[in-house]
Amino acid sequence: MKRNISVILLVLAFVGVLAPLALAEEAAAPAAAGTGSDVRATAALGAALAIGIAALGAGIGQGIGLGKACEGVARNPGASGKVTTTLIIGLAMIESLAIYALLVSLGLLINQKIFF
């Protein structure tokens, strides 16, 4: 499982590094005309990668946390109240990281006037 996650993260890193290079040739002609579409394309790609990686990380973190909480309740049913409270607080904190990534990606898109 850890090997699969590291392979996925490695592929995402390569895509993040190589995608702007691939888009640079396509955006070279409009950039010479002064439109700045290469910056807009890179901002859109960065925003998409930011929210995608944040959602992936949040999903993995929440899945691991929920699995461990289920194991804890199965081993000690008497502590289910404390485990549930701690789980909900932890899941809220993990989800807030994904929301921060969404806000940063929307900030990139708004700053470059891509959608708004």
N, C-alpha and C. Protein backbone atom coordinates (compact mmCIF):
# COMPACT_ATOMS: atom_id res chain seq x y z
N MET A 1 0.83 -1.19 0.00
CA MET A 1 0.00 0.00 0.00
C MET A 1 0.87 1.25 0.00
N LYS A 2 1.91 1.25 0.84
CA LYS A 2 2.78 2.41 0.88
C LYS A 2 3.53 2.59 -0.43
N ARG A 3 3.84 1.46 -1.07
CA ARG A 3 4.55 1.55 -2.36
C ARG A 3 3.64 2.17 -3.41
N ASN A 4 2.36 1.80 -3.41
CA ASN A 4 1.42 2.37 -4.38
C ASN A 4 1.27 3.88 -4.17
N ILE A 5 1.18 4.30 -2.94
CA ILE A 5 1.04 5.72 -2.65
C ILE A 5 2.29 6.48 -3.10
N SER A 6 3.46 5.91 -2.83
CA SER A 6 4.68 6.62 -3.23
C SER A 6 4.82 6.66 -4.75
N VAL A 7 4.36 5.63 -5.45
CA VAL A 7 4.40 5.66 -6.92
C VAL A 7 3.44 6.72 -7.44
N ILE A 8 2.26 6.81 -6.86
CA ILE A 8 1.28 7.82 -7.29
C ILE A 8 1.82 9.22 -7.04
N LEU A 9 2.40 9.46 -5.88
CA LEU A 9 2.96 10.78 -5.59
C LEU A 9 4.13 11.11 -6.50
N LEU A 10 4.93 10.12 -6.85
CA LEU A 10 6.04 10.34 -7.77
C LEU A 10 5.54 10.71 -9.16
N VAL A 11 4.51 10.03 -9.63
CA VAL A 11 3.93 10.35 -10.94
C VAL A 11 3.34 11.75 -10.92
N LEU A 12 2.64 12.12 -9.85
CA LEU A 12 2.08 13.47 -9.75
C LEU A 12 3.18 14.53 -9.73
N ALA A 13 4.30 14.22 -9.09
CA ALA A 13 5.41 15.17 -9.08
C ALA A 13 5.99 15.34 -10.47
N PHE A 14 6.14 14.25 -11.21
CA PHE A 14 6.65 14.35 -12.58
C PHE A 14 5.69 15.13 -13.47
N VAL A 15 4.40 14.90 -13.30
CA VAL A 15 3.41 15.66 -14.09
C VAL A 15 3.49 17.13 -13.74
N GLY A 16 3.62 17.43 -12.46
CA GLY A 16 3.72 18.83 -12.04
C GLY A 16 4.96 19.52 -12.56
N VAL A 17 6.05 18.78 -12.70
CA VAL A 17 7.29 19.38 -13.19
C VAL A 17 7.29 19.46 -14.71
N LEU A 18 6.79 18.44 -15.39
CA LEU A 18 6.89 18.38 -16.84
C LEU A 18 5.74 19.08 -17.58
N ALA A 19 4.59 19.23 -16.94
CA ALA A 19 3.45 19.84 -17.62
C ALA A 19 3.71 21.29 -18.03
N PRO A 20 4.30 22.14 -17.18
CA PRO A 20 4.57 23.51 -17.64
C PRO A 20 5.56 23.55 -18.80
N LEU A 21 6.47 22.60 -18.84
CA LEU A 21 7.41 22.56 -19.96
C LEU A 21 6.70 22.18 -21.26
N ALA A 22 5.74 21.27 -21.16
CA ALA A 22 4.98 20.88 -22.35
C ALA A 22 4.06 22.00 -22.81
N LEU A 23 3.51 22.74 -21.87
CA LEU A 23 2.61 23.84 -22.22
C LEU A 23 3.37 25.07 -22.68
N ALA A 24 4.65 25.14 -22.40
CA ALA A 24 5.44 26.33 -22.75
C ALA A 24 5.53 26.51 -24.26
N GLU A 25 5.65 25.42 -25.02
CA GLU A 25 5.74 25.54 -26.47
C GLU A 25 4.41 26.00 -27.06
N GLU A 26 3.30 25.50 -26.52
CA GLU A 26 2.00 25.91 -27.03
C GLU A 26 1.70 27.37 -26.70
N ALA A 27 2.18 27.82 -25.58
CA ALA A 27 1.88 29.18 -25.15
C ALA A 27 2.94 30.18 -25.60
N ALA A 28 3.95 29.73 -26.34
CA ALA A 28 5.02 30.63 -26.75
C ALA A 28 4.54 31.69 -27.73
N ALA A 29 3.70 31.34 -28.67
CA ALA A 29 3.23 32.31 -29.66
C ALA A 29 2.35 33.40 -29.03
N PRO A 30 1.34 33.06 -28.22
CA PRO A 30 0.56 34.13 -27.59
C PRO A 30 1.37 34.96 -26.60
N ALA A 31 2.35 34.35 -25.95
CA ALA A 31 3.16 35.10 -24.99
C ALA A 31 3.97 36.17 -25.71
N ALA A 32 4.40 35.90 -26.94
CA ALA A 32 5.15 36.89 -27.69
C ALA A 32 4.25 38.07 -28.06
N ALA A 33 2.96 37.81 -28.21
CA ALA A 33 2.03 38.87 -28.54
C ALA A 33 1.64 39.69 -27.32
N GLY A 34 2.05 39.24 -26.13
CA GLY A 34 1.79 40.01 -24.92
C GLY A 34 0.49 39.67 -24.22
N THR A 35 -0.12 38.53 -24.52
CA THR A 35 -1.39 38.19 -23.89
C THR A 35 -1.20 37.59 -22.51
N GLY A 36 -0.06 36.97 -22.27
CA GLY A 36 0.20 36.39 -20.96
C GLY A 36 -0.56 35.11 -20.70
N SER A 37 -0.94 34.38 -21.74
CA SER A 37 -1.71 33.15 -21.53
C SER A 37 -0.87 32.05 -20.93
N ASP A 38 0.47 32.13 -21.07
CA ASP A 38 1.30 31.11 -20.44
C ASP A 38 1.22 31.20 -18.92
N VAL A 39 1.12 32.40 -18.40
CA VAL A 39 0.99 32.56 -16.95
C VAL A 39 -0.39 32.07 -16.50
N ARG A 40 -1.40 32.36 -17.28
CA ARG A 40 -2.74 31.91 -16.94
C ARG A 40 -2.85 30.39 -16.99
N ALA A 41 -2.22 29.79 -17.99
CA ALA A 41 -2.26 28.33 -18.10
C ALA A 41 -1.52 27.68 -16.93
N THR A 42 -0.39 28.25 -16.58
CA THR A 42 0.37 27.70 -15.45
C THR A 42 -0.39 27.89 -14.14
N ALA A 43 -1.07 29.02 -13.98
CA ALA A 43 -1.86 29.25 -12.77
C ALA A 43 -3.03 28.27 -12.69
N ALA A 44 -3.67 28.01 -13.83
CA ALA A 44 -4.78 27.06 -13.84
C ALA A 44 -4.28 25.65 -13.53
N LEU A 45 -3.13 25.29 -14.09
CA LEU A 45 -2.56 23.98 -13.81
C LEU A 45 -2.14 23.86 -12.35
N GLY A 46 -1.54 24.90 -11.82
CA GLY A 46 -1.15 24.89 -10.41
C GLY A 46 -2.35 24.79 -9.48
N ALA A 47 -3.42 25.50 -9.82
CA ALA A 47 -4.63 25.43 -9.00
C ALA A 47 -5.24 24.03 -9.04
N ALA A 48 -5.27 23.44 -10.23
CA ALA A 48 -5.82 22.09 -10.35
C ALA A 48 -4.99 21.07 -9.59
N LEU A 49 -3.68 21.17 -9.71
CA LEU A 49 -2.81 20.25 -8.99
C LEU A 49 -2.92 20.45 -7.48
N ALA A 50 -3.03 21.70 -7.04
CA ALA A 50 -3.11 21.97 -5.61
C ALA A 50 -4.35 21.35 -5.00
N ILE A 51 -5.50 21.54 -5.63
CA ILE A 51 -6.72 21.00 -5.04
C ILE A 51 -6.77 19.49 -5.22
N GLY A 52 -6.21 18.97 -6.30
CA GLY A 52 -6.19 17.52 -6.50
C GLY A 52 -5.33 16.80 -5.48
N ILE A 53 -4.14 17.32 -5.25
CA ILE A 53 -3.24 16.69 -4.27
C ILE A 53 -3.80 16.86 -2.86
N ALA A 54 -4.41 18.00 -2.57
CA ALA A 54 -4.99 18.21 -1.25
C ALA A 54 -6.15 17.26 -1.01
N ALA A 55 -6.99 17.06 -2.02
CA ALA A 55 -8.11 16.13 -1.86
C ALA A 55 -7.62 14.70 -1.71
N LEU A 56 -6.57 14.35 -2.45
CA LEU A 56 -6.00 13.01 -2.33
C LEU A 56 -5.43 12.79 -0.93
N GLY A 57 -4.67 13.76 -0.45
CA GLY A 57 -4.09 13.63 0.89
C GLY A 57 -5.14 13.60 1.98
N ALA A 58 -6.16 14.45 1.84
CA ALA A 58 -7.22 14.47 2.85
C ALA A 58 -8.00 13.16 2.85
N GLY A 59 -8.26 12.62 1.67
CA GLY A 59 -8.97 11.35 1.59
C GLY A 59 -8.19 10.21 2.21
N ILE A 60 -6.89 10.17 1.92
CA ILE A 60 -6.06 9.12 2.51
C ILE A 60 -5.99 9.28 4.03
N GLY A 61 -5.80 10.51 4.49
CA GLY A 61 -5.72 10.75 5.94
C GLY A 61 -7.01 10.41 6.66
N GLN A 62 -8.13 10.76 6.07
CA GLN A 62 -9.41 10.46 6.71
C GLN A 62 -9.68 8.97 6.71
N GLY A 63 -9.30 8.29 5.63
CA GLY A 63 -9.50 6.84 5.59
C GLY A 63 -8.67 6.12 6.63
N ILE A 64 -7.43 6.53 6.78
CA ILE A 64 -6.57 5.91 7.79
C ILE A 64 -7.11 6.19 9.20
N GLY A 65 -7.50 7.44 9.43
CA GLY A 65 -8.04 7.80 10.75
C GLY A 65 -9.30 7.04 11.10
N LEU A 66 -10.21 6.92 10.14
CA LEU A 66 -11.45 6.20 10.38
C LEU A 66 -11.18 4.72 10.62
N GLY A 67 -10.25 4.16 9.87
CA GLY A 67 -9.91 2.75 10.07
C GLY A 67 -9.35 2.49 11.45
N LYS A 68 -8.45 3.36 11.90
CA LYS A 68 -7.86 3.19 13.23
C LYS A 68 -8.91 3.40 14.33
N ALA A 69 -9.83 4.33 14.10
CA ALA A 69 -10.90 4.55 15.09
C ALA A 69 -11.79 3.32 15.19
N CYS A 70 -12.10 2.71 14.07
CA CYS A 70 -12.92 1.49 14.09
C CYS A 70 -12.19 0.37 14.82
N GLU A 71 -10.88 0.26 14.60
CA GLU A 71 -10.10 -0.74 15.32
C GLU A 71 -10.12 -0.47 16.82
N GLY A 72 -9.98 0.79 17.19
CA GLY A 72 -9.97 1.15 18.61
C GLY A 72 -11.29 0.84 19.28
N VAL A 73 -12.40 1.13 18.62
CA VAL A 73 -13.72 0.85 19.20
C VAL A 73 -13.95 -0.66 19.25
N ALA A 74 -13.46 -1.38 18.24
CA ALA A 74 -13.64 -2.84 18.25
C ALA A 74 -12.86 -3.49 19.39
N ARG A 75 -11.68 -2.93 19.70
CA ARG A 75 -10.88 -3.49 20.79
C ARG A 75 -11.40 -3.09 22.16
N ASN A 76 -11.94 -1.87 22.27
CA ASN A 76 -12.40 -1.39 23.57
C ASN A 76 -13.71 -0.63 23.37
N PRO A 77 -14.84 -1.34 23.35
CA PRO A 77 -16.12 -0.67 23.10
C PRO A 77 -16.49 0.37 24.15
N GLY A 78 -15.94 0.27 25.33
CA GLY A 78 -16.25 1.22 26.39
C GLY A 78 -15.69 2.61 26.12
N ALA A 79 -14.67 2.70 25.29
CA ALA A 79 -14.04 3.99 25.01
C ALA A 79 -14.55 4.61 23.71
N SER A 80 -15.69 4.14 23.23
CA SER A 80 -16.19 4.63 21.93
C SER A 80 -16.53 6.12 21.96
N GLY A 81 -16.99 6.64 23.08
CA GLY A 81 -17.32 8.07 23.17
C GLY A 81 -16.10 8.95 22.99
N LYS A 82 -15.01 8.61 23.69
CA LYS A 82 -13.78 9.39 23.58
C LYS A 82 -13.16 9.24 22.20
N VAL A 83 -13.20 8.03 21.65
CA VAL A 83 -12.63 7.80 20.32
C VAL A 83 -13.42 8.56 19.27
N THR A 84 -14.74 8.56 19.40
CA THR A 84 -15.57 9.27 18.43
C THR A 84 -15.33 10.78 18.48
N THR A 85 -15.23 11.33 19.66
CA THR A 85 -14.98 12.76 19.80
C THR A 85 -13.63 13.15 19.20
N THR A 86 -12.61 12.38 19.52
CA THR A 86 -11.28 12.66 18.97
C THR A 86 -11.27 12.48 17.46
N LEU A 87 -11.98 11.47 16.96
CA LEU A 87 -12.06 11.23 15.51
C LEU A 87 -12.71 12.40 14.80
N ILE A 88 -13.80 12.91 15.31
CA ILE A 88 -14.50 14.02 14.65
C ILE A 88 -13.63 15.27 14.64
N ILE A 89 -12.94 15.55 15.72
CA ILE A 89 -12.04 16.72 15.76
C ILE A 89 -10.91 16.53 14.76
N GLY A 90 -10.33 15.34 14.71
CA GLY A 90 -9.24 15.08 13.77
C GLY A 90 -9.69 15.17 12.32
N LEU A 91 -10.86 14.62 12.01
CA LEU A 91 -11.37 14.70 10.64
C LEU A 91 -11.66 16.14 10.23
N ALA A 92 -12.14 16.94 11.16
CA ALA A 92 -12.39 18.35 10.85
C ALA A 92 -11.09 19.08 10.55
N MET A 93 -10.05 18.77 11.29
CA MET A 93 -8.76 19.41 11.02
C MET A 93 -8.17 18.97 9.69
N ILE A 94 -8.32 17.68 9.36
CA ILE A 94 -7.83 17.19 8.07
C ILE A 94 -8.61 17.85 6.94
N GLU A 95 -9.91 17.96 7.09
CA GLU A 95 -10.73 18.56 6.03
C GLU A 95 -10.43 20.05 5.88
N SER A 96 -10.05 20.71 6.97
CA SER A 96 -9.72 22.13 6.85
C SER A 96 -8.50 22.35 5.97
N LEU A 97 -7.57 21.41 5.94
CA LEU A 97 -6.42 21.52 5.05
C LEU A 97 -6.85 21.49 3.59
N ALA A 98 -7.82 20.64 3.26
CA ALA A 98 -8.33 20.59 1.89
C ALA A 98 -9.07 21.88 1.54
N ILE A 99 -9.76 22.45 2.51
CA ILE A 99 -10.46 23.72 2.26
C ILE A 99 -9.46 24.85 2.05
N TYR A 100 -8.36 24.85 2.80
CA TYR A 100 -7.31 25.86 2.58
C TYR A 100 -6.72 25.74 1.19
N ALA A 101 -6.51 24.52 0.73
CA ALA A 101 -5.98 24.33 -0.63
C ALA A 101 -6.98 24.82 -1.67
N LEU A 102 -8.27 24.61 -1.41
CA LEU A 102 -9.29 25.12 -2.32
C LEU A 102 -9.25 26.65 -2.37
N LEU A 103 -9.11 27.28 -1.23
CA LEU A 103 -9.05 28.74 -1.20
C LEU A 103 -7.81 29.27 -1.92
N VAL A 104 -6.68 28.60 -1.75
CA VAL A 104 -5.47 29.03 -2.44
C VAL A 104 -5.63 28.87 -3.95
N SER A 105 -6.21 27.75 -4.38
CA SER A 105 -6.39 27.54 -5.82
C SER A 105 -7.40 28.54 -6.40
N LEU A 106 -8.46 28.85 -5.66
CA LEU A 106 -9.39 29.87 -6.14
C LEU A 106 -8.72 31.25 -6.16
N GLY A 107 -7.84 31.51 -5.20
CA GLY A 107 -7.10 32.76 -5.21
C GLY A 107 -6.20 32.87 -6.43
N LEU A 108 -5.57 31.76 -6.82
CA LEU A 108 -4.76 31.77 -8.05
C LEU A 108 -5.62 32.06 -9.27
N LEU A 109 -6.78 31.44 -9.33
CA LEU A 109 -7.65 31.63 -10.49
C LEU A 109 -8.22 33.05 -10.54
N ILE A 110 -8.57 33.59 -9.40
CA ILE A 110 -9.11 34.95 -9.36
C ILE A 110 -8.02 35.96 -9.68
N ASN A 111 -6.81 35.75 -9.18
CA ASN A 111 -5.71 36.66 -9.42
C ASN A 111 -5.37 36.74 -10.91
N GLN A 112 -5.47 35.63 -11.62
CA GLN A 112 -5.18 35.62 -13.04
C GLN A 112 -6.41 35.88 -13.91
N LYS A 113 -7.54 36.15 -13.27
CA LYS A 113 -8.81 36.44 -13.96
C LYS A 113 -9.15 35.35 -14.97
N ILE A 114 -9.07 34.08 -14.50
CA ILE A 114 -9.34 32.96 -15.39
C ILE A 114 -10.83 32.69 -15.47
N PHE A 115 -11.49 32.57 -14.33
CA PHE A 115 -12.92 32.25 -14.34
C PHE A 115 -13.77 33.39 -13.85
N PHE A 116 -13.19 34.32 -13.10
CA PHE A 116 -14.02 35.36 -12.47
C PHE A 116 -13.66 36.72 -13.01
